[in-house]
Amino acid sequence: MSRPNIKIDLPRLSGELELLARLSDAEPPAVTRILFTEPDLQARAFFRGLFADAGLVVREDPAGNLFARWIGSEPNWPALGTGSHTDAIPFSGMYDGTVGVLGGLEAIRALQRSGWKPRRSIELLLFTSEEPTRFGIGCIGSRLLSGSLSPESAAVLKDNIGATFDEVRRRAGCSGELSAVQLREGSYAAFVELHIEQGPLLEQEGIPIGAVTAIAAPAALRVRLEGEGGHAGAVLMPQRKDALCAAAEIVLAVEKAARDSGRLDTVATTGICQVHPGACNSIPSRVILEIDIRDTDLAARDRAVELVRQAVAQGAARRGLDAGVERINADPPATADPAIVNAIQFACRELNLACKMMVSRAYHDSLFMARLCLTGMIFIPCRAGVSHRPDEYSSPDAIGRGVEVLALTLAELDRAE
């Protein structure tokens, strides 16, 4: 079977990215698109129209995952999957996730225009809530699809006003039971996600394509510290049980756990610090910290988590505080399948593009799709490695090259028995 003659319609793809970016609760160039809010629902309608125009068969599951299938000549064979997410954290950019959905669609359209006919069906997935913004946990859709999150646990997740995931998704028109979301074994032969790197390496090294070999294992902790409040002028220093001072020590311990790990891939971040009562003349009586710790090596990640737990216990004891550590989630890393990495490398050779083997320190829906099928990721450069900011940017040419590689990767995987 000859290689498809892929031609990417960059003006159309760039225009679709711009149109999608306008479906937002933030003023341009920022993008805010939270799960099941009006901009998210508008985006879903936008995609339904694009999928229909491409002649794809569309379905939506009870969690709101959207599937758009190009039916192959062997429709009963496990399909090839691609896709990503389109929800966006507050005041972020227009390329994170969206390049994988609109780029996946353009890869399918380019293959269609070339006259190439797939044996396996090719399915484009738009995952529900990759970002943790609304319900405090990321990748809700792919976790449910892979069985990594139980329907019962997903149903009772609450947003910041107390609405449950089950209530919100039903109001958004997602009918049916969450127990029906998990995919059966063998639904996909392989899954390949196209994504901006969200780091600087490809741009710094002048390499157009990254083939991801592993996805980091994330763990999220919520730390509760209970001290004693009081008037900032009336309580003397020897009598204080200041929860924020203890929190400050823990934040530094989080940083130290990653810096002292001996591994470049160990990263740790304290991203949330909620202080009560939050007045400058009142001693902080309660603090909530939320901490993210990641590594591509599970044992190294867990060692860092244990060091943070020890720091919380020791700091609380030293200052006479009550403390607790809740594990929000702790997921294992994923390794890209060699067959998919080889297919990406083959596509790059066919297109005369350099390709870098690299790990993903950010986690993606692919982390959970790897529990269902062979999985891989294609990275493209983004300017200065910036992501989750309004100035996030990937050039049309970079996106176009990524889509070409994705299209040829899917075609090569379709050749495999």
Protein backbone atom coordinates (compact mmCIF):
# COMPACT_ATOMS: atom_id res chain seq x y z
CA MET A 1 0.00 0.00 0.00
CA SER A 2 1.53 3.34 -1.06
CA ARG A 3 1.91 6.25 1.33
CA PRO A 4 -1.07 8.64 1.26
CA ASN A 5 -0.36 12.00 -0.36
CA ILE A 6 -1.14 14.21 2.62
CA LYS A 7 -1.98 17.87 2.07
CA ILE A 8 -2.99 19.88 5.13
CA ASP A 9 -5.49 22.72 4.72
CA LEU A 10 -3.68 25.12 7.05
CA PRO A 11 -5.91 28.17 6.45
CA ARG A 12 -8.98 26.13 7.36
CA LEU A 13 -7.33 24.57 10.42
CA SER A 14 -6.00 27.91 11.66
CA GLY A 15 -9.41 29.49 11.17
CA GLU A 16 -11.08 26.74 13.16
CA LEU A 17 -8.61 27.20 16.01
CA GLU A 18 -9.40 30.93 16.03
CA LEU A 19 -13.14 30.32 15.98
CA LEU A 20 -12.88 27.87 18.86
CA ALA A 21 -10.80 30.34 20.90
CA ARG A 22 -13.67 32.84 20.75
CA LEU A 23 -15.93 30.40 22.58
CA SER A 24 -14.65 31.55 25.94
CA ASP A 25 -15.56 33.24 29.20
CA ALA A 26 -12.40 35.37 29.02
CA GLU A 27 -11.51 38.28 26.74
CA PRO A 28 -9.06 37.45 23.92
CA PRO A 29 -6.29 36.41 23.80
CA ALA A 30 -7.11 34.55 27.02
CA VAL A 31 -9.31 31.46 26.86
CA THR A 32 -11.51 30.15 29.69
CA ARG A 33 -13.70 27.19 28.82
CA ILE A 34 -14.83 25.21 31.84
CA LEU A 35 -16.61 21.86 31.59
CA PHE A 36 -20.35 22.11 30.79
CA THR A 37 -20.45 25.92 30.98
CA GLU A 38 -21.99 27.78 28.05
CA PRO A 39 -18.68 28.16 26.12
CA ASP A 40 -18.01 24.44 26.53
CA LEU A 41 -21.48 23.56 25.27
CA GLN A 42 -21.01 25.95 22.32
CA ALA A 43 -17.69 24.28 21.54
CA ARG A 44 -19.32 20.87 21.56
CA ALA A 45 -21.98 22.09 19.11
CA PHE A 46 -19.22 23.58 16.94
CA PHE A 47 -17.45 20.22 16.80
CA ARG A 48 -20.62 18.31 16.05
CA GLY A 49 -21.03 20.46 12.96
CA LEU A 50 -17.44 19.89 11.85
CA PHE A 51 -17.73 16.15 12.41
CA ALA A 52 -20.92 16.01 10.36
CA ASP A 53 -19.28 17.99 7.54
CA ALA A 54 -16.50 15.39 7.45
CA GLY A 55 -19.02 12.56 7.16
CA LEU A 56 -18.09 11.08 10.52
CA VAL A 57 -20.47 9.05 12.67
CA VAL A 58 -20.90 10.87 15.97
CA ARG A 59 -21.94 9.65 19.40
CA GLU A 60 -21.74 11.05 22.93
CA ASP A 61 -21.47 8.90 26.03
CA PRO A 62 -23.14 9.64 29.40
CA ALA A 63 -20.01 11.45 30.66
CA GLY A 64 -19.97 13.79 27.67
CA ASN A 65 -17.05 12.20 25.82
CA LEU A 66 -17.62 12.83 22.09
CA PHE A 67 -16.65 10.22 19.48
CA ALA A 68 -16.48 10.87 15.72
CA ARG A 69 -15.78 7.76 13.63
CA TRP A 70 -14.56 7.37 10.06
CA ILE A 71 -15.75 3.84 9.34
CA GLY A 72 -13.15 1.61 7.73
CA SER A 73 -13.51 -1.36 5.42
CA GLU A 74 -13.20 -3.70 8.43
CA PRO A 75 -15.61 -2.01 10.86
CA ASN A 76 -15.53 -4.90 13.32
CA TRP A 77 -11.78 -4.61 13.86
CA PRO A 78 -10.55 -2.58 16.84
CA ALA A 79 -10.37 1.05 15.76
CA LEU A 80 -7.47 3.49 15.72
CA GLY A 81 -8.06 6.40 18.07
CA THR A 82 -6.82 9.96 18.21
CA GLY A 83 -7.97 13.13 19.92
CA SER A 84 -7.56 15.27 23.02
CA HIS A 85 -9.56 17.84 25.01
CA THR A 86 -10.97 21.33 24.47
CA ASP A 87 -11.73 22.48 28.01
CA ALA A 88 -9.39 25.27 29.13
CA ILE A 89 -8.36 26.45 32.58
CA PRO A 90 -9.12 30.11 33.45
CA PHE A 91 -7.12 32.63 31.43
CA SER A 92 -5.16 30.08 29.47
CA GLY A 93 -4.32 29.79 25.76
CA MET A 94 -5.87 28.43 22.59
CA TYR A 95 -3.61 25.48 21.69
CA ASP A 96 -3.52 23.13 24.70
CA GLY A 97 -5.68 20.12 23.81
CA THR A 98 -7.41 21.85 20.92
CA VAL A 99 -4.54 21.08 18.51
CA GLY A 100 -5.12 17.39 19.22
CA VAL A 101 -8.83 17.57 18.45
CA LEU A 102 -8.87 19.94 15.48
CA GLY A 103 -5.53 18.53 14.28
CA GLY A 104 -6.94 15.02 14.57
CA LEU A 105 -9.94 16.08 12.52
CA GLU A 106 -7.72 17.65 9.86
CA ALA A 107 -5.59 14.48 9.75
CA ILE A 108 -8.75 12.49 8.97
CA ARG A 109 -9.88 15.05 6.36
CA ALA A 110 -6.42 15.02 4.75
CA LEU A 111 -6.49 11.23 4.53
CA GLN A 112 -9.99 11.43 3.04
CA ARG A 113 -8.88 14.00 0.46
CA SER A 114 -5.91 11.82 -0.51
CA GLY A 115 -8.26 9.00 -1.51
CA TRP A 116 -6.74 6.65 1.04
CA LYS A 117 -9.17 4.13 2.53
CA PRO A 118 -8.60 2.76 6.05
CA ARG A 119 -9.17 -0.85 6.96
CA ARG A 120 -9.67 -0.06 10.62
CA SER A 121 -12.12 2.64 11.57
CA ILE A 122 -10.43 5.82 12.78
CA GLU A 123 -12.12 7.47 15.74
CA LEU A 124 -11.57 11.00 16.96
CA LEU A 125 -12.21 11.51 20.68
CA LEU A 126 -13.03 14.78 22.43
CA PHE A 127 -12.49 13.92 26.09
CA THR A 128 -14.55 15.33 28.94
CA SER A 129 -12.73 17.52 31.46
CA GLU A 130 -9.04 16.84 30.99
CA GLU A 131 -8.47 19.87 33.20
CA PRO A 132 -9.27 19.61 36.93
CA THR A 133 -10.76 23.12 37.06
CA ARG A 134 -14.39 22.36 37.86
CA PHE A 135 -14.31 19.11 39.82
CA GLY A 136 -10.80 19.06 41.25
CA ILE A 137 -9.60 16.03 39.33
CA GLY A 138 -8.29 15.89 35.78
CA CYS A 139 -9.10 13.51 32.92
CA ILE A 140 -12.57 12.60 34.17
CA GLY A 141 -13.66 11.36 30.75
CA SER A 142 -10.63 9.17 30.02
CA ARG A 143 -10.53 7.90 33.61
CA LEU A 144 -14.12 6.68 33.20
CA LEU A 145 -13.45 5.23 29.75
CA SER A 146 -10.50 3.22 31.08
CA GLY A 147 -12.12 2.14 34.34
CA SER A 148 -9.58 4.17 36.36
CA LEU A 149 -12.40 6.10 38.07
CA SER A 150 -15.53 4.32 39.24
CA PRO A 151 -18.94 5.62 38.09
CA GLU A 152 -19.94 5.95 41.75
CA SER A 153 -16.93 8.12 42.60
CA ALA A 154 -17.34 10.28 39.49
CA ALA A 155 -21.05 10.87 40.13
CA VAL A 156 -20.46 12.50 43.52
CA LEU A 157 -17.55 14.78 42.56
CA LYS A 158 -18.53 18.34 43.50
CA ASP A 159 -17.71 21.71 42.02
CA ASN A 160 -17.08 24.84 44.09
CA ILE A 161 -20.79 25.54 44.55
CA GLY A 162 -21.59 21.99 45.63
CA ALA A 163 -23.15 20.71 42.39
CA THR A 164 -22.24 17.10 41.65
CA PHE A 165 -20.80 15.84 38.39
CA ASP A 166 -23.93 13.73 37.93
CA GLU A 167 -26.21 16.75 38.31
CA VAL A 168 -24.14 18.97 36.05
CA ARG A 169 -23.70 16.48 33.23
CA ARG A 170 -27.44 15.69 33.18
CA ARG A 171 -28.27 19.41 33.01
CA ALA A 172 -25.88 19.59 30.05
CA GLY A 173 -27.91 16.92 28.25
CA CYS A 174 -25.72 13.88 28.90
CA SER A 175 -28.25 11.13 29.51
CA GLY A 176 -27.73 7.54 30.52
CA GLU A 177 -25.82 5.98 33.38
CA LEU A 178 -22.13 6.53 34.04
CA SER A 179 -21.72 2.77 34.38
CA ALA A 180 -22.09 2.60 30.58
CA VAL A 181 -19.05 4.80 29.89
CA GLN A 182 -16.23 2.29 30.38
CA LEU A 183 -15.05 0.89 27.06
CA ARG A 184 -14.86 -2.81 26.50
CA GLU A 185 -11.46 -4.41 26.09
CA GLY A 186 -10.33 -4.35 22.46
CA SER A 187 -12.25 -1.21 21.49
CA TYR A 188 -9.05 0.30 20.12
CA ALA A 189 -5.98 -1.20 18.53
CA ALA A 190 -3.99 1.96 19.24
CA PHE A 191 -4.41 5.56 20.37
CA VAL A 192 -2.19 8.49 19.30
CA GLU A 193 -2.55 11.99 20.75
CA LEU A 194 -1.17 15.12 19.08
CA HIS A 195 -0.29 17.88 21.56
CA ILE A 196 1.84 20.97 22.01
CA GLU A 197 4.93 20.15 24.07
CA GLN A 198 4.13 22.57 26.92
CA GLY A 199 7.88 22.78 27.41
CA PRO A 200 10.82 24.44 25.60
CA LEU A 201 12.98 21.56 24.39
CA LEU A 202 11.77 21.16 20.80
CA GLU A 203 11.98 24.88 20.11
CA GLN A 204 15.37 25.23 21.79
CA GLU A 205 16.81 22.34 19.79
CA GLY A 206 15.11 23.28 16.52
CA ILE A 207 13.38 19.91 16.23
CA PRO A 208 9.86 19.88 14.74
CA ILE A 209 8.49 16.64 16.23
CA GLY A 210 8.72 14.86 19.55
CA ALA A 211 7.84 11.20 19.97
CA VAL A 212 6.78 10.65 23.57
CA THR A 213 8.24 7.57 25.21
CA ALA A 214 6.69 7.95 28.68
CA ILE A 215 4.12 10.07 30.51
CA ALA A 216 4.84 11.16 34.07
CA ALA A 217 2.95 9.75 37.02
CA PRO A 218 1.07 12.49 38.89
CA ALA A 219 0.09 12.47 42.54
CA ALA A 220 -2.03 15.17 44.16
CA LEU A 221 -2.20 15.78 47.91
CA ARG A 222 -4.45 18.01 50.00
CA VAL A 223 -2.87 19.07 53.30
CA ARG A 224 -4.99 20.44 56.17
CA LEU A 225 -3.32 22.40 58.97
CA GLU A 226 -5.30 23.50 62.06
CA GLY A 227 -3.72 25.94 64.49
CA GLU A 228 -5.12 28.66 66.72
CA GLY A 229 -6.21 32.06 65.56
CA GLY A 230 -6.06 35.27 67.53
CA HIS A 231 -5.34 38.96 67.41
CA ALA A 232 -2.07 39.72 65.62
CA GLY A 233 -1.09 42.21 68.30
CA ALA A 234 -2.27 40.40 71.41
CA VAL A 235 -0.89 36.85 71.12
CA LEU A 236 2.82 36.73 71.95
CA MET A 237 5.17 34.73 69.74
CA PRO A 238 5.91 31.90 72.23
CA GLN A 239 2.18 31.12 72.50
CA ARG A 240 1.42 31.08 68.78
CA LYS A 241 0.18 28.14 66.74
CA ASP A 242 0.31 29.82 63.34
CA ALA A 243 -0.96 27.49 60.61
CA LEU A 244 0.50 29.60 57.81
CA CYS A 245 4.03 29.48 59.25
CA ALA A 246 3.78 25.69 59.28
CA ALA A 247 2.43 25.79 55.72
CA ALA A 248 5.40 27.89 54.61
CA GLU A 249 7.79 25.24 55.91
CA ILE A 250 5.83 22.53 54.11
CA VAL A 251 5.89 24.45 50.82
CA LEU A 252 9.68 24.59 51.04
CA ALA A 253 9.77 20.90 51.95
CA VAL A 254 7.79 20.12 48.79
CA GLU A 255 10.37 21.97 46.71
CA LYS A 256 13.24 20.25 48.52
CA ALA A 257 11.73 16.77 48.00
CA ALA A 258 11.90 17.31 44.24
CA ARG A 259 15.25 19.13 44.13
CA ASP A 260 16.99 16.51 46.27
CA SER A 261 15.57 13.50 44.41
CA GLY A 262 18.59 13.24 42.12
CA ARG A 263 16.25 13.06 39.12
CA LEU A 264 15.53 15.80 36.62
CA ASP A 265 12.09 14.29 36.00
CA THR A 266 10.93 14.74 39.61
CA VAL A 267 8.85 17.91 39.90
CA ALA A 268 6.73 19.16 42.79
CA THR A 269 4.46 22.16 43.08
CA THR A 270 2.29 23.70 45.79
CA GLY A 271 -0.37 25.33 43.66
CA ILE A 272 -3.08 26.18 46.19
CA CYS A 273 -2.77 27.83 49.61
CA GLN A 274 -6.08 28.76 51.26
CA VAL A 275 -5.67 30.75 54.47
CA HIS A 276 -8.37 31.30 57.10
CA PRO A 277 -9.50 33.84 58.16
CA GLY A 278 -7.41 35.79 55.64
CA ALA A 279 -7.01 39.08 57.50
CA CYS A 280 -3.63 40.77 57.95
CA ASN A 281 -4.24 41.46 61.66
CA SER A 282 -5.42 37.93 62.48
CA ILE A 283 -3.20 34.91 63.10
CA PRO A 284 -3.96 32.23 60.49
CA SER A 285 -5.84 29.43 62.19
CA ARG A 286 -6.35 27.07 59.25
CA VAL A 287 -4.55 26.48 55.96
CA ILE A 288 -5.33 24.12 53.09
CA LEU A 289 -2.52 23.28 50.67
CA GLU A 290 -2.86 21.37 47.42
CA ILE A 291 0.33 19.78 46.13
CA ASP A 292 1.25 18.17 42.80
CA ILE A 293 4.18 15.72 42.61
CA ARG A 294 5.20 13.98 39.37
CA ASP A 295 7.84 11.71 37.91
CA THR A 296 8.08 9.22 35.05
CA ASP A 297 9.40 6.76 37.66
CA LEU A 298 6.72 5.63 40.10
CA ALA A 299 9.13 4.75 42.92
CA ALA A 300 10.83 8.15 42.74
CA ARG A 301 7.46 9.91 42.73
CA ASP A 302 6.32 7.95 45.77
CA ARG A 303 9.56 8.69 47.64
CA ALA A 304 8.92 12.40 47.17
CA VAL A 305 5.32 11.98 48.36
CA GLU A 306 6.53 10.22 51.50
CA LEU A 307 9.02 13.00 52.24
CA VAL A 308 6.19 15.53 52.04
CA ARG A 309 4.04 13.45 54.38
CA GLN A 310 6.92 13.33 56.86
CA ALA A 311 7.42 17.10 56.61
CA VAL A 312 3.73 17.68 57.38
CA ALA A 313 3.80 15.39 60.42
CA GLN A 314 7.05 16.84 61.77
CA GLY A 315 6.06 20.46 61.20
CA ALA A 316 2.66 20.00 62.82
CA ALA A 317 4.17 18.28 65.85
CA ARG A 318 6.83 20.93 66.26
CA ARG A 319 4.28 23.74 66.21
CA GLY A 320 1.52 21.97 68.11
CA LEU A 321 -0.92 21.86 65.21
CA ASP A 322 -3.46 19.30 64.05
CA ALA A 323 -2.72 18.14 60.50
CA GLY A 324 -3.99 15.73 57.89
CA VAL A 325 -2.88 14.64 54.43
CA GLU A 326 -5.45 13.45 51.90
CA ARG A 327 -4.39 11.77 48.69
CA ILE A 328 -6.60 13.22 45.95
CA ASN A 329 -5.18 10.93 43.29
CA ALA A 330 -2.01 9.00 42.55
CA ASP A 331 -1.75 7.54 39.07
CA PRO A 332 0.93 5.24 37.64
CA PRO A 333 3.09 6.43 34.73
CA ALA A 334 2.50 5.24 31.19
CA THR A 335 5.02 3.97 28.68
CA ALA A 336 4.43 4.58 25.00
CA ASP A 337 4.24 1.43 22.95
CA PRO A 338 7.35 0.86 20.77
CA ALA A 339 5.19 0.08 17.73
CA ILE A 340 3.60 3.52 17.92
CA VAL A 341 6.94 5.25 18.51
CA ASN A 342 8.26 3.39 15.46
CA ALA A 343 5.25 4.48 13.39
CA ILE A 344 5.85 8.12 14.40
CA GLN A 345 9.53 7.82 13.47
CA PHE A 346 8.57 6.24 10.13
CA ALA A 347 6.21 9.13 9.41
CA CYS A 348 8.95 11.64 10.24
CA ARG A 349 11.40 9.89 7.91
CA GLU A 350 8.84 9.93 5.10
CA LEU A 351 8.38 13.66 5.62
CA ASN A 352 12.09 14.40 6.14
CA LEU A 353 11.44 15.72 9.64
CA ALA A 354 13.77 15.35 12.62
CA CYS A 355 12.22 13.61 15.61
CA LYS A 356 13.26 13.71 19.26
CA MET A 357 12.54 10.94 21.77
CA MET A 358 11.19 12.63 24.90
CA VAL A 359 9.05 12.21 28.00
CA SER A 360 5.89 14.12 28.88
CA ARG A 361 6.08 15.67 32.32
CA ALA A 362 2.54 16.98 31.90
CA TYR A 363 -0.13 14.30 31.99
CA HIS A 364 -2.76 13.85 29.35
CA ASP A 365 -5.74 11.67 28.50
CA SER A 366 -3.22 9.33 26.87
CA LEU A 367 -2.07 8.37 30.38
CA PHE A 368 -5.41 6.63 30.89
CA MET A 369 -5.92 5.44 27.32
CA ALA A 370 -2.70 3.47 27.85
CA ARG A 371 -4.72 1.21 30.16
CA LEU A 372 -6.99 0.33 27.25
CA CYS A 373 -4.68 -0.06 24.28
CA LEU A 374 -1.28 0.65 22.76
CA THR A 375 -0.73 4.39 23.15
CA GLY A 376 1.65 7.10 21.98
CA MET A 377 1.91 10.87 21.69
CA ILE A 378 3.25 13.33 19.13
CA PHE A 379 4.60 16.65 20.43
CA ILE A 380 5.05 19.85 18.45
CA PRO A 381 6.95 22.95 19.59
CA CYS A 382 5.29 25.82 21.39
CA ARG A 383 6.90 29.24 21.74
CA ALA A 384 9.26 29.43 24.74
CA GLY A 385 7.56 26.33 26.15
CA VAL A 386 4.73 28.52 27.45
CA SER A 387 1.37 26.89 28.17
CA HIS A 388 -1.68 27.56 30.36
CA ARG A 389 -1.21 31.28 29.65
CA PRO A 390 -2.84 33.63 27.13
CA ASP A 391 0.47 33.94 25.23
CA GLU A 392 0.60 30.19 24.57
CA TYR A 393 1.46 29.83 20.86
CA SER A 394 2.29 27.23 18.26
CA SER A 395 2.81 28.36 14.69
CA PRO A 396 0.58 27.18 11.83
CA ASP A 397 3.59 25.51 10.21
CA ALA A 398 4.42 23.61 13.42
CA ILE A 399 0.81 22.50 13.75
CA GLY A 400 0.67 21.50 10.09
CA ARG A 401 3.77 19.33 10.42
CA GLY A 402 2.29 17.66 13.49
CA VAL A 403 -0.94 16.91 11.64
CA GLU A 404 1.00 15.44 8.71
CA VAL A 405 2.92 13.17 11.06
CA LEU A 406 -0.30 12.14 12.82
CA ALA A 407 -2.01 11.30 9.53
CA LEU A 408 0.89 9.17 8.31
CA THR A 409 1.24 7.53 11.71
CA LEU A 410 -2.40 6.48 11.62
CA ALA A 411 -1.98 5.19 8.06
CA GLU A 412 1.12 3.19 9.09
CA LEU A 413 -0.65 1.72 12.11
CA ASP A 414 -3.53 0.73 9.85
CA ARG A 415 -1.07 -1.39 7.83
CA ALA A 416 -0.25 -3.50 10.88
CA GLU A 417 -2.15 -6.72 11.37
